[in-house]
């Protein structure tokens, strides 16, 4: 068997694995608290997750310059991670004074999106990708409440690379307005995993991916979303 035949054989086996994963239901773990409804599962085995990670390293073009900064009270701050946005034509993601137009889907992002759709039954038209270079890169507590998002649709987060902690904290626990003690919810996002944040989780709970001092390897996290309206560059 020559090199081309071996490569063709590998690609055929990989495509068979994708079709098999689409047809086979995956086991879900329920994560629930007061107003928090999430589902968690391993969507890809290690071999496929490794392949997807490497493909994203090659394909994804992350923002640089002003688009890689946040605007807070008129001041610019660097983002402690890399970010990119892809999706259907005309979609935009806006947060902290930054407006990011979606680039056209790459083939790998389409494959991951389709796998998520088959696993969850939900369709998505946009993806925000965060790349954490190591354990020092992070994202602080926030809610995904941008006006473009359809609040009734879940957000599906895929993790590829080094495992990272993911923490939910109830909005009342942050402000101290509740007399009840509401404990945070913490989980570890494994390589190849899928976390589905269902409504109304994002209404009541903030989430973060904190610094992990021992983390030395990179992590890609595509967050698949559903946007309810389209914008254009003239909107800026």
Protein backbone atom coordinates (compact mmCIF):
# COMPACT_ATOMS: atom_id res chain seq x y z
CA UNK A 1 0.00 0.00 0.00
CA UNK A 2 1.47 3.35 -1.06
CA UNK A 3 1.28 6.65 0.85
CA UNK A 4 -1.82 7.91 -0.98
CA UNK A 5 -3.65 4.65 -0.35
CA UNK A 6 -2.75 4.75 3.36
CA UNK A 7 -3.97 8.35 3.66
CA UNK A 8 -7.18 7.46 1.81
CA UNK A 9 -7.70 4.55 4.19
CA UNK A 10 -7.17 6.77 7.24
CA UNK A 11 -9.63 9.37 5.91
CA UNK A 12 -12.22 6.67 5.18
CA UNK A 13 -11.91 5.28 8.72
CA UNK A 14 -12.18 8.80 10.15
CA UNK A 15 -15.34 9.50 8.14
CA UNK A 16 -16.82 6.20 9.31
CA UNK A 17 -16.10 7.22 12.91
CA UNK A 18 -17.89 10.53 12.36
CA UNK A 19 -20.95 8.80 10.87
CA UNK A 20 -20.99 6.29 13.72
CA UNK A 21 -20.77 9.07 16.32
CA UNK A 22 -23.69 10.86 14.64
CA UNK A 23 -25.88 7.76 14.76
CA UNK A 24 -25.02 6.64 18.30
CA UNK A 25 -26.64 8.43 21.26
CA UNK A 26 -24.12 9.69 23.78
CA UNK A 27 -24.61 9.38 27.55
CA UNK A 28 -25.44 12.69 29.21
CA UNK A 29 -24.75 13.81 32.76
CA UNK A 30 -27.30 16.22 34.21
CA UNK A 31 -25.92 19.23 36.13
CA UNK A 32 -28.69 21.03 37.98
CA UNK A 33 -29.09 23.63 40.71
CA UNK A 34 -31.56 26.45 41.38
CA UNK A 35 -32.24 27.86 37.91
CA UNK A 36 -29.24 25.99 36.45
CA UNK A 37 -29.86 23.29 33.86
CA UNK A 38 -26.88 21.88 31.99
CA UNK A 39 -26.00 18.66 30.19
CA UNK A 40 -22.45 17.33 29.93
CA UNK A 41 -20.94 14.50 27.91
CA UNK A 42 -17.86 13.32 26.05
CA UNK A 43 -18.66 13.98 22.40
CA UNK A 44 -15.35 12.92 20.81
CA UNK A 45 -12.90 10.18 21.70
CA UNK A 46 -9.26 11.12 22.25
CA UNK A 47 -8.13 10.31 18.72
CA UNK A 48 -10.82 12.43 17.10
CA UNK A 49 -10.43 15.21 19.67
CA UNK A 50 -6.67 15.32 19.01
CA UNK A 51 -7.33 15.56 15.28
CA UNK A 52 -9.86 18.37 15.71
CA UNK A 53 -7.53 20.30 18.01
CA UNK A 54 -4.74 20.15 15.42
CA UNK A 55 -7.11 21.20 12.63
CA UNK A 56 -8.28 24.23 14.61
CA UNK A 57 -4.67 25.19 15.25
CA UNK A 58 -4.20 25.36 11.48
CA UNK A 59 -7.52 26.86 10.39
CA UNK A 60 -8.69 29.40 12.95
CA UNK A 61 -7.60 33.03 12.48
CA UNK A 62 -7.70 34.80 15.82
CA UNK A 63 -8.28 38.52 16.20
CA UNK A 64 -5.36 40.87 16.78
CA UNK A 65 -4.89 44.58 17.43
CA UNK A 66 -7.90 46.59 18.63
CA UNK A 67 -10.23 43.64 18.04
CA UNK A 68 -8.28 41.68 20.64
CA UNK A 69 -9.00 44.28 23.34
CA UNK A 70 -11.92 45.20 25.59
CA UNK A 71 -13.29 48.70 26.08
CA UNK A 72 -14.20 49.40 29.72
CA UNK A 73 -15.15 52.94 30.76
CA UNK A 74 -13.25 54.36 27.80
CA UNK A 75 -10.06 52.41 28.43
CA UNK A 76 -8.63 49.50 26.44
CA UNK A 77 -7.55 46.26 28.06
CA UNK A 78 -5.88 43.22 26.55
CA UNK A 79 -7.92 40.01 26.57
CA UNK A 80 -6.23 37.15 28.50
CA UNK A 81 -6.97 34.64 25.73
CA UNK A 82 -7.31 34.59 21.94
CA UNK A 83 -10.71 34.96 20.30
CA UNK A 84 -12.27 34.37 16.90
CA UNK A 85 -15.82 34.41 15.52
CA UNK A 86 -17.24 32.33 12.67
CA UNK A 87 -20.77 31.75 11.45
CA UNK A 88 -23.46 32.49 8.91
CA UNK A 89 -23.08 35.56 6.73
CA UNK A 90 -23.98 38.87 8.35
CA UNK A 91 -23.82 37.76 11.98
CA UNK A 92 -21.98 39.81 14.57
CA UNK A 93 -20.88 39.40 18.18
CA UNK A 94 -20.74 42.51 20.37
CA UNK A 95 -19.39 42.79 23.92
CA UNK A 96 -17.52 45.35 26.04
CA UNK A 97 -17.38 47.89 23.22
CA UNK A 98 -16.01 45.41 20.66
CA UNK A 99 -17.97 44.37 17.55
CA UNK A 100 -16.79 41.24 15.73
CA UNK A 101 -18.18 40.10 12.38
CA UNK A 102 -18.40 36.37 11.77
CA UNK A 103 -15.95 34.88 9.30
CA UNK A 104 -17.20 32.08 7.00
CA UNK A 105 -17.32 28.62 8.55
CA UNK A 106 -14.21 26.47 8.17
CA UNK A 107 -14.65 22.81 7.27
CA UNK A 108 -13.57 21.67 10.75
CA UNK A 109 -15.91 24.06 12.55
CA UNK A 110 -18.76 22.85 10.34
CA UNK A 111 -17.99 19.24 11.26
CA UNK A 112 -17.91 20.04 14.98
CA UNK A 113 -21.12 22.08 14.67
CA UNK A 114 -22.89 19.23 12.88
CA UNK A 115 -21.74 16.75 15.52
CA UNK A 116 -23.12 19.02 18.25
CA UNK A 117 -26.41 19.37 16.36
CA UNK A 118 -26.79 15.63 15.99
CA UNK A 119 -26.01 15.09 19.67
CA UNK A 120 -28.33 17.82 20.99
CA UNK A 121 -31.06 18.30 18.39
CA UNK A 122 -30.33 22.04 18.30
CA UNK A 123 -29.04 24.05 15.34
CA UNK A 124 -26.46 26.83 15.65
CA UNK A 125 -25.53 29.66 13.29
CA UNK A 126 -22.54 31.19 15.09
CA UNK A 127 -19.47 30.17 17.07
CA UNK A 128 -17.19 32.15 19.38
CA UNK A 129 -13.84 30.42 19.84
CA UNK A 130 -11.65 31.07 22.85
CA UNK A 131 -8.09 29.79 22.76
CA UNK A 132 -6.34 29.52 26.12
CA UNK A 133 -2.60 29.21 25.52
CA UNK A 134 -1.94 27.82 29.00
CA UNK A 135 -3.29 27.89 32.54
CA UNK A 136 -2.66 31.62 32.87
CA UNK A 137 -5.14 32.48 30.11
CA UNK A 138 -8.67 32.72 31.48
CA UNK A 139 -12.07 34.39 31.33
CA UNK A 140 -13.73 36.11 34.29
CA UNK A 141 -17.27 35.78 35.61
CA UNK A 142 -19.87 36.83 33.06
CA UNK A 143 -23.21 36.00 31.53
CA UNK A 144 -23.72 35.63 27.79
CA UNK A 145 -26.40 38.31 27.57
CA UNK A 146 -25.45 40.01 24.32
CA UNK A 147 -28.46 41.35 22.45
CA UNK A 148 -27.76 39.25 19.36
CA UNK A 149 -28.27 35.96 21.22
CA UNK A 150 -31.57 34.13 21.27
CA UNK A 151 -32.00 33.67 25.05
CA UNK A 152 -34.26 30.63 24.67
CA UNK A 153 -31.61 28.66 22.76
CA UNK A 154 -28.86 26.74 24.56
CA UNK A 155 -25.17 27.51 24.25
CA UNK A 156 -23.03 24.49 23.41
CA UNK A 157 -19.38 24.60 24.50
CA UNK A 158 -16.89 22.07 23.16
CA UNK A 159 -13.49 21.65 24.84
CA UNK A 160 -10.45 20.47 22.90
CA UNK A 161 -7.04 20.34 24.58
CA UNK A 162 -5.97 20.65 28.19
CA UNK A 163 -8.73 20.11 30.76
CA UNK A 164 -9.91 23.30 32.48
CA UNK A 165 -12.14 24.11 35.44
CA UNK A 166 -15.49 25.77 34.73
CA UNK A 167 -17.35 27.52 37.56
CA UNK A 168 -20.95 28.72 37.83
CA UNK A 169 -21.91 31.30 40.48
CA UNK A 170 -25.47 32.44 41.14
CA UNK A 171 -26.10 36.15 40.61
CA UNK A 172 -27.49 36.55 44.15
CA UNK A 173 -24.36 34.97 45.62
CA UNK A 174 -22.24 37.58 43.84
CA UNK A 175 -24.15 40.52 45.29
CA UNK A 176 -24.93 39.10 48.71
CA UNK A 177 -28.61 39.98 48.20
CA UNK A 178 -29.80 36.51 49.16
CA UNK A 179 -30.09 35.31 52.75
CA UNK A 180 -29.73 31.76 51.49
CA UNK A 181 -26.31 30.26 50.91
CA UNK A 182 -26.08 29.37 47.23
CA UNK A 183 -23.01 27.25 46.55
CA UNK A 184 -21.07 27.60 43.29
CA UNK A 185 -21.14 24.73 40.83
CA UNK A 186 -17.75 23.55 39.60
CA UNK A 187 -16.87 21.02 36.92
CA UNK A 188 -13.85 20.06 34.85
CA UNK A 189 -14.18 20.27 31.08
CA UNK A 190 -12.34 17.30 29.61
CA UNK A 191 -10.69 16.95 26.20
CA UNK A 192 -13.44 16.18 23.67
CA UNK A 193 -16.30 17.14 25.99
CA UNK A 194 -19.53 19.03 25.31
CA UNK A 195 -21.33 21.26 27.83
CA UNK A 196 -24.86 22.36 26.97
CA UNK A 197 -26.09 25.40 28.93
CA UNK A 198 -29.87 25.34 28.72
CA UNK A 199 -32.37 28.13 29.42
CA UNK A 200 -32.65 29.79 31.95
CA UNK A 201 -29.13 29.04 33.24
CA UNK A 202 -27.67 32.15 31.66
CA UNK A 203 -30.31 34.32 33.34
CA UNK A 204 -29.40 33.42 36.91
CA UNK A 205 -25.84 32.12 36.83
CA UNK A 206 -22.51 33.69 35.92
CA UNK A 207 -19.77 31.42 34.61
CA UNK A 208 -15.99 31.63 34.40
CA UNK A 209 -12.91 29.69 33.40
CA UNK A 210 -10.36 30.67 36.08
CA UNK A 211 -6.58 30.59 36.06
CA UNK A 212 -5.15 27.10 36.48
CA UNK A 213 -1.61 27.42 37.76
CA UNK A 214 -0.57 23.91 36.79
CA UNK A 215 -2.01 24.12 33.29
CA UNK A 216 0.75 24.30 30.68
CA UNK A 217 -1.01 23.22 27.48
CA UNK A 218 -3.43 24.97 25.14
CA UNK A 219 -7.21 24.61 25.01
CA UNK A 220 -9.64 25.48 22.22
CA UNK A 221 -13.22 26.15 23.29
CA UNK A 222 -15.72 26.72 20.48
CA UNK A 223 -18.99 28.08 21.93
CA UNK A 224 -21.84 27.44 19.51
CA UNK A 225 -24.69 29.94 19.71
CA UNK A 226 -27.91 30.93 17.96
CA UNK A 227 -28.18 34.57 16.92
CA UNK A 228 -31.63 35.97 16.29
CA UNK A 229 -30.69 38.90 14.06
CA UNK A 230 -28.09 39.86 11.49
CA UNK A 231 -25.92 42.97 11.53
CA UNK A 232 -23.63 44.60 8.99
CA UNK A 233 -20.39 46.52 9.22
CA UNK A 234 -22.45 49.73 8.78
CA UNK A 235 -23.94 49.07 12.22
CA UNK A 236 -20.64 49.99 13.89
